Amino acid sequence: MIALKSKEGFNLKHGLQILLVLLTVVLITAITLPIHAADHQYVQSTTPTLFFHGFNSGAHAERYMVDGIKKAGVSKTAITANVAADGKVTLVGHIPHGAVNPLVMVNFENSRNTDYTMQGQWVKNVVLKLQQTYHFKKMNIEAHSMGNMAVMYYLLANGQDKQLPQLEKQVALAGTFDGAMGWNEPANLTVNHRTGKPTAENDAFKKLLPLRSTYPRQVRVLNIYGDLGNGNDSQVSNNSCRTLRYLVNGRSKSYREVKVTGANAKHELLHHNPQVNRLLIQFFWAK
C-alpha cells in the first residue's frame, strides 16, 4: 500500500483507471451498437424496399436480389409479406427499430391471378400492413414482369393518397406494360423513342392511361429490360417494357431506361443477374 503513494505507483494506478474506463466504453458501445446497421458507403435510411414477383412465381424469385443486396452490405434486414388468395397479409420475420434499408419480399399465394385491379388491392394490403406494423412514411418498390402491373394498378387507385406511405423510387424489371409476347401484346408493336407512346394499346394499358395525369411527381423511375439480341427477353418485347415512359412522362421526378444484354438477360433470369443487382443498389441506395 505504501508503494501506491509513490509517484510511480500513482501513475500506474491512474493509468489502470484510464484503461478500465476505455475498456468499459468499448464494451458498452459494442453492446449497444445496432446489429442491423448497414455499410455506411450506402444511404442509411429506414425506408423499406418492397419486391414483387411476376406471374406463376413467388418470393423465391426475389431471393437472389435480396441476398445480393445484403451481401453487398446495404442491409441486414429482410422479411416476407405473404398475401393469401383472399388478400390477407401475413408478415414473416421482424424489422428491428431503426433497421437500415429493410427489404420486404412480397409473395402472392395466387400467383396465376391476372386481375390487375385485384392485384393492385393486394399491393395496397401489403403497404397498409407494413404501415400499421412499422409506421413507415415512405417506401421504394421493385417489381418483375407482371408484378409491375400490380404496382401500376395500385398507383392508379392510390398514387395520390397522402395517408399512405409515399413512393420514392420505383424499379420496373421486364415490365409487361403493353402485354407479353404470344398473349396480349399488340401485333407489330412499336414505340415512339421520345415519348414512349405505343402504336397500339391493349385493354390493360388503356386503363392505366389516367396515370399520365396522376402518377406521383416525387417518384424516380428506373426501367430495366433484357434484350437477347432480337428486341425481346424471350417473353416480353423491349417495346412493351418501354411503354412505361408514356405512362409517367412529364410526371415522374426522373426516368431512366437500361437495356441488359447477355445470357442472363432472358426474362426469367433477369432477377438472377449480377448486373441487375448492381443497378438496383446504385439506384436505390448509392450516396
Protein backbone atom coordinates (compact mmCIF):
# COMPACT_ATOMS: atom_id res chain seq x y z
CA MET A 1 0.00 0.00 0.00
CA ILE A 2 2.91 2.34 0.70
CA ALA A 3 4.09 1.88 -2.90
CA LEU A 4 0.83 3.34 -4.18
CA LYS A 5 1.74 6.64 -2.59
CA SER A 6 4.90 6.88 -4.68
CA LYS A 7 4.95 8.81 -7.94
CA GLU A 8 5.40 5.63 -9.94
CA GLY A 9 2.62 3.90 -8.03
CA PHE A 10 0.26 6.81 -8.57
CA ASN A 11 0.94 6.84 -12.32
CA LEU A 12 0.38 3.09 -12.53
CA LYS A 13 -2.90 3.30 -10.65
CA HIS A 14 -4.04 6.27 -12.74
CA GLY A 15 -3.14 4.50 -15.96
CA LEU A 16 -5.06 1.41 -14.95
CA GLN A 17 -8.10 3.54 -14.16
CA ILE A 18 -7.98 5.18 -17.59
CA LEU A 19 -7.59 1.80 -19.28
CA LEU A 20 -10.55 0.45 -17.34
CA VAL A 21 -12.70 3.40 -18.40
CA LEU A 22 -11.71 2.94 -22.07
CA LEU A 23 -12.48 -0.77 -21.97
CA THR A 24 -15.86 -0.04 -20.39
CA VAL A 25 -16.70 2.47 -23.14
CA VAL A 26 -15.69 -0.01 -25.86
CA LEU A 27 -17.78 -2.76 -24.23
CA ILE A 28 -20.85 -0.56 -23.86
CA THR A 29 -20.51 0.61 -27.48
CA ALA A 30 -20.24 -2.97 -28.72
CA ILE A 31 -23.33 -3.97 -26.76
CA THR A 32 -25.49 -1.03 -27.80
CA LEU A 33 -24.42 -0.77 -31.46
CA PRO A 34 -27.40 -1.93 -33.59
CA ILE A 35 -26.59 -5.26 -35.18
CA HIS A 36 -28.85 -4.31 -38.07
CA ALA A 37 -26.75 -1.34 -39.17
CA ALA A 38 -25.60 -1.36 -42.81
CA ASP A 39 -22.42 -0.34 -44.60
CA HIS A 40 -22.07 3.44 -44.39
CA GLN A 41 -21.00 3.77 -48.01
CA TYR A 42 -24.71 3.47 -48.76
CA VAL A 43 -27.69 5.61 -47.83
CA GLN A 44 -28.63 4.98 -44.18
CA SER A 45 -32.42 5.04 -44.24
CA THR A 46 -35.28 3.27 -42.50
CA THR A 47 -37.34 3.38 -45.74
CA PRO A 48 -38.30 -0.17 -46.77
CA THR A 49 -37.91 -1.52 -50.30
CA LEU A 50 -40.64 -3.90 -51.47
CA PHE A 51 -40.06 -6.63 -54.07
CA PHE A 52 -42.91 -8.02 -56.22
CA HIS A 53 -42.64 -11.17 -58.36
CA GLY A 54 -44.32 -11.98 -61.64
CA PHE A 55 -46.90 -14.45 -62.97
CA ASN A 56 -46.76 -18.02 -61.62
CA SER A 57 -43.82 -17.16 -59.38
CA GLY A 58 -43.21 -16.28 -55.75
CA ALA A 59 -40.94 -14.65 -53.22
CA HIS A 60 -38.26 -17.23 -54.06
CA ALA A 61 -37.69 -15.30 -57.29
CA GLU A 62 -36.70 -12.26 -55.23
CA ARG A 63 -34.24 -14.16 -53.02
CA TYR A 64 -31.18 -13.74 -55.28
CA MET A 65 -31.64 -9.98 -55.41
CA VAL A 66 -32.25 -9.67 -51.67
CA ASP A 67 -29.31 -11.92 -50.77
CA GLY A 68 -27.04 -9.98 -53.11
CA ILE A 69 -28.14 -6.67 -51.62
CA LYS A 70 -27.45 -7.97 -48.11
CA LYS A 71 -24.09 -9.40 -49.14
CA ALA A 72 -23.11 -6.00 -50.54
CA GLY A 73 -23.68 -4.51 -47.08
CA VAL A 74 -26.70 -2.40 -48.00
CA SER A 75 -28.99 -4.02 -45.44
CA LYS A 76 -29.05 -6.76 -42.85
CA THR A 77 -32.83 -7.00 -42.56
CA ALA A 78 -35.26 -8.87 -44.81
CA ILE A 79 -38.78 -10.11 -44.16
CA THR A 80 -41.54 -11.69 -46.24
CA ALA A 81 -45.07 -10.39 -46.74
CA ASN A 82 -47.28 -13.32 -47.67
CA VAL A 83 -50.55 -12.46 -49.41
CA ALA A 84 -53.21 -15.16 -49.23
CA ALA A 85 -55.69 -15.72 -52.05
CA ASP A 86 -58.28 -13.70 -50.11
CA GLY A 87 -55.85 -10.78 -49.86
CA LYS A 88 -54.95 -11.20 -46.19
CA VAL A 89 -51.33 -10.28 -45.47
CA THR A 90 -49.09 -12.09 -43.01
CA LEU A 91 -45.64 -10.75 -42.21
CA VAL A 92 -42.95 -13.37 -41.68
CA GLY A 93 -39.93 -12.04 -39.81
CA HIS A 94 -39.36 -8.79 -37.98
CA ILE A 95 -37.86 -5.40 -38.83
CA PRO A 96 -35.97 -4.10 -35.76
CA HIS A 97 -36.46 -0.48 -34.77
CA GLY A 98 -34.01 1.66 -36.70
CA ALA A 99 -33.10 -1.12 -39.16
CA VAL A 100 -31.20 0.30 -42.12
CA ASN A 101 -32.65 -0.16 -45.62
CA PRO A 102 -35.04 -3.01 -44.70
CA LEU A 103 -36.12 -5.33 -47.53
CA VAL A 104 -39.59 -6.86 -47.96
CA MET A 105 -40.11 -9.84 -50.25
CA VAL A 106 -43.77 -10.00 -51.26
CA ASN A 107 -45.35 -13.37 -52.05
CA PHE A 108 -48.72 -13.72 -53.80
CA GLU A 109 -50.10 -17.17 -53.00
CA ASN A 110 -52.39 -16.96 -56.03
CA SER A 111 -49.60 -16.07 -58.43
CA ARG A 112 -51.61 -17.01 -61.53
CA ASN A 113 -54.22 -14.33 -60.98
CA THR A 114 -54.39 -11.84 -63.88
CA ASP A 115 -56.97 -9.48 -62.41
CA TYR A 116 -54.76 -6.40 -62.17
CA THR A 117 -57.28 -4.41 -60.17
CA MET A 118 -57.34 -7.17 -57.56
CA GLN A 119 -53.55 -7.39 -57.62
CA GLY A 120 -53.38 -3.64 -57.06
CA GLN A 121 -55.54 -4.12 -53.97
CA TRP A 122 -53.14 -6.82 -52.76
CA VAL A 123 -50.28 -4.36 -53.10
CA LYS A 124 -52.28 -1.87 -51.03
CA ASN A 125 -52.93 -4.55 -48.41
CA VAL A 126 -49.19 -5.13 -48.11
CA VAL A 127 -48.47 -1.41 -47.85
CA LEU A 128 -51.17 -0.96 -45.19
CA LYS A 129 -49.91 -3.92 -43.17
CA LEU A 130 -46.37 -2.54 -43.17
CA GLN A 131 -47.63 0.93 -42.31
CA GLN A 132 -49.73 -0.32 -39.41
CA THR A 133 -46.93 -2.53 -38.09
CA TYR A 134 -43.89 -0.30 -38.60
CA HIS A 135 -45.35 3.18 -39.25
CA PHE A 136 -43.32 3.83 -42.40
CA LYS A 137 -43.99 7.07 -44.22
CA LYS A 138 -42.00 6.33 -47.40
CA MET A 139 -41.16 3.27 -49.50
CA ASN A 140 -39.34 2.02 -52.58
CA ILE A 141 -40.61 -0.66 -54.95
CA GLU A 142 -39.05 -3.15 -57.37
CA ALA A 143 -41.23 -5.41 -59.50
CA HIS A 144 -40.53 -8.09 -62.09
CA SER A 145 -42.65 -8.93 -65.12
CA MET A 146 -46.40 -8.90 -64.39
CA GLY A 147 -45.70 -7.74 -60.85
CA ASN A 148 -45.29 -4.33 -62.43
CA MET A 149 -48.94 -4.35 -63.42
CA ALA A 150 -49.94 -4.96 -59.79
CA VAL A 151 -47.82 -1.97 -58.78
CA MET A 152 -49.14 0.29 -61.54
CA TYR A 153 -52.77 -0.58 -60.75
CA TYR A 154 -52.01 0.15 -57.09
CA LEU A 155 -50.68 3.56 -58.10
CA LEU A 156 -53.65 4.11 -60.40
CA ALA A 157 -56.02 3.76 -57.44
CA ASN A 158 -53.83 5.12 -54.62
CA GLY A 159 -51.00 7.21 -56.06
CA GLN A 160 -52.47 10.46 -54.77
CA ASP A 161 -53.41 9.17 -51.30
CA LYS A 162 -51.20 11.12 -48.89
CA GLN A 163 -52.33 8.96 -45.97
CA LEU A 164 -50.36 6.03 -47.38
CA PRO A 165 -46.56 5.73 -47.40
CA GLN A 166 -45.26 7.77 -50.30
CA LEU A 167 -43.38 6.02 -53.09
CA GLU A 168 -39.88 7.45 -53.53
CA LYS A 169 -38.21 5.18 -56.11
CA GLN A 170 -39.62 2.57 -58.48
CA VAL A 171 -37.72 -0.05 -60.47
CA ALA A 172 -39.51 -1.88 -63.27
CA LEU A 173 -37.82 -5.09 -64.39
CA ALA A 174 -39.09 -6.68 -67.63
CA GLY A 175 -42.45 -4.97 -67.22
CA THR A 176 -45.41 -6.24 -69.26
CA PHE A 177 -46.96 -2.78 -69.54
CA ASP A 178 -48.42 -3.27 -73.03
CA GLY A 179 -48.63 -7.03 -72.83
CA ALA A 180 -46.48 -10.13 -73.21
CA MET A 181 -45.47 -11.88 -76.41
CA GLY A 182 -47.86 -14.55 -77.58
CA TRP A 183 -50.52 -13.42 -75.15
CA ASN A 184 -51.82 -9.86 -75.02
CA GLU A 185 -49.12 -7.73 -76.66
CA PRO A 186 -50.44 -5.87 -79.73
CA ALA A 187 -49.10 -7.16 -83.03
CA ASN A 188 -46.15 -5.31 -84.60
CA LEU A 189 -45.86 -3.04 -81.57
CA THR A 190 -43.51 -0.10 -81.93
CA VAL A 191 -42.82 2.82 -79.59
CA ASN A 192 -42.02 6.49 -80.02
CA HIS A 193 -38.45 6.77 -78.69
CA ARG A 194 -39.01 10.25 -77.30
CA THR A 195 -42.40 9.83 -75.60
CA GLY A 196 -42.80 6.07 -75.14
CA LYS A 197 -46.18 6.22 -76.88
CA PRO A 198 -47.06 2.81 -78.38
CA THR A 199 -48.58 2.31 -81.82
CA ALA A 200 -51.27 0.15 -80.20
CA GLU A 201 -52.58 -0.30 -76.68
CA ASN A 202 -54.08 -3.40 -75.11
CA ASP A 203 -57.02 -3.07 -72.72
CA ALA A 204 -54.91 -3.26 -69.55
CA PHE A 205 -52.62 -0.48 -70.81
CA LYS A 206 -55.57 1.73 -71.74
CA LYS A 207 -56.88 1.52 -68.19
CA LEU A 208 -53.52 2.86 -66.94
CA LEU A 209 -53.64 6.00 -69.09
CA PRO A 210 -55.05 8.19 -66.27
CA LEU A 211 -51.62 7.82 -64.64
CA ARG A 212 -50.38 10.31 -67.23
CA SER A 213 -52.03 12.97 -65.09
CA THR A 214 -51.92 11.34 -61.64
CA TYR A 215 -48.61 9.50 -61.36
CA PRO A 216 -46.88 10.78 -58.18
CA ARG A 217 -44.43 13.55 -59.05
CA GLN A 218 -41.87 12.70 -56.37
CA VAL A 219 -41.02 9.26 -57.77
CA ARG A 220 -37.74 8.46 -59.50
CA VAL A 221 -38.13 5.62 -62.03
CA LEU A 222 -35.63 3.10 -63.38
CA ASN A 223 -36.88 0.86 -66.19
CA ILE A 224 -34.70 -2.23 -66.83
CA TYR A 225 -35.35 -4.69 -69.64
CA GLY A 226 -33.48 -7.56 -71.26
CA ASP A 227 -32.54 -7.93 -74.91
CA LEU A 228 -31.32 -11.29 -76.19
CA GLY A 229 -30.38 -9.64 -79.48
CA ASN A 230 -33.76 -9.60 -81.17
CA GLY A 231 -35.55 -6.86 -79.25
CA ASN A 232 -37.04 -9.05 -76.51
CA ASP A 233 -36.15 -11.16 -73.48
CA SER A 234 -37.93 -14.26 -74.87
CA GLN A 235 -41.26 -13.36 -73.23
CA VAL A 236 -41.66 -9.58 -73.31
CA SER A 237 -40.62 -7.22 -76.09
CA ASN A 238 -38.44 -4.24 -75.31
CA ASN A 239 -41.17 -2.07 -76.81
CA SER A 240 -43.77 -3.29 -74.34
CA CYS A 241 -41.37 -2.59 -71.47
CA ARG A 242 -40.56 0.86 -72.81
CA THR A 243 -44.20 1.99 -72.91
CA LEU A 244 -43.77 2.76 -69.20
CA ARG A 245 -42.23 6.05 -70.32
CA TYR A 246 -45.57 7.08 -71.82
CA LEU A 247 -47.40 6.46 -68.54
CA VAL A 248 -45.03 8.51 -66.37
CA ASN A 249 -43.70 11.00 -68.94
CA GLY A 250 -43.81 14.55 -67.59
CA ARG A 251 -44.89 13.33 -64.14
CA SER A 252 -42.06 11.35 -62.54
CA LYS A 253 -39.17 13.21 -60.93
CA SER A 254 -36.79 11.28 -63.17
CA TYR A 255 -36.95 8.43 -65.66
CA ARG A 256 -34.15 6.23 -66.98
CA GLU A 257 -34.08 3.13 -69.17
CA VAL A 258 -31.35 0.48 -69.09
CA LYS A 259 -31.12 -2.39 -71.58
CA VAL A 260 -29.41 -5.52 -70.26
CA THR A 261 -27.84 -7.97 -72.70
CA GLY A 262 -26.15 -11.36 -72.48
CA ALA A 263 -27.42 -14.80 -71.48
CA ASN A 264 -28.80 -13.55 -68.15
CA ALA A 265 -30.96 -11.03 -69.98
CA LYS A 266 -33.52 -13.80 -70.50
CA HIS A 267 -36.86 -12.94 -68.91
CA GLU A 268 -36.77 -15.46 -66.06
CA LEU A 269 -33.07 -14.84 -65.37
CA LEU A 270 -33.14 -11.06 -65.05
CA HIS A 271 -33.75 -11.29 -61.31
CA HIS A 272 -30.72 -13.61 -61.07
CA ASN A 273 -28.44 -11.20 -62.88
CA PRO A 274 -25.46 -9.57 -61.09
CA GLN A 275 -25.69 -6.53 -63.39
CA VAL A 276 -29.30 -6.01 -62.37
CA ASN A 277 -28.30 -6.22 -58.70
CA ARG A 278 -25.64 -3.56 -59.23
CA LEU A 279 -28.20 -1.33 -60.94
CA LEU A 280 -30.65 -1.79 -58.05
CA ILE A 281 -28.03 -1.00 -55.41
CA GLN A 282 -26.82 2.07 -57.30
CA PHE A 283 -30.33 3.40 -57.90
CA PHE A 284 -31.89 2.74 -54.52
CA TRP A 285 -29.02 3.27 -52.08
CA ALA A 286 -25.93 4.92 -53.59
CA LYS A 287 -24.93 8.11 -51.79
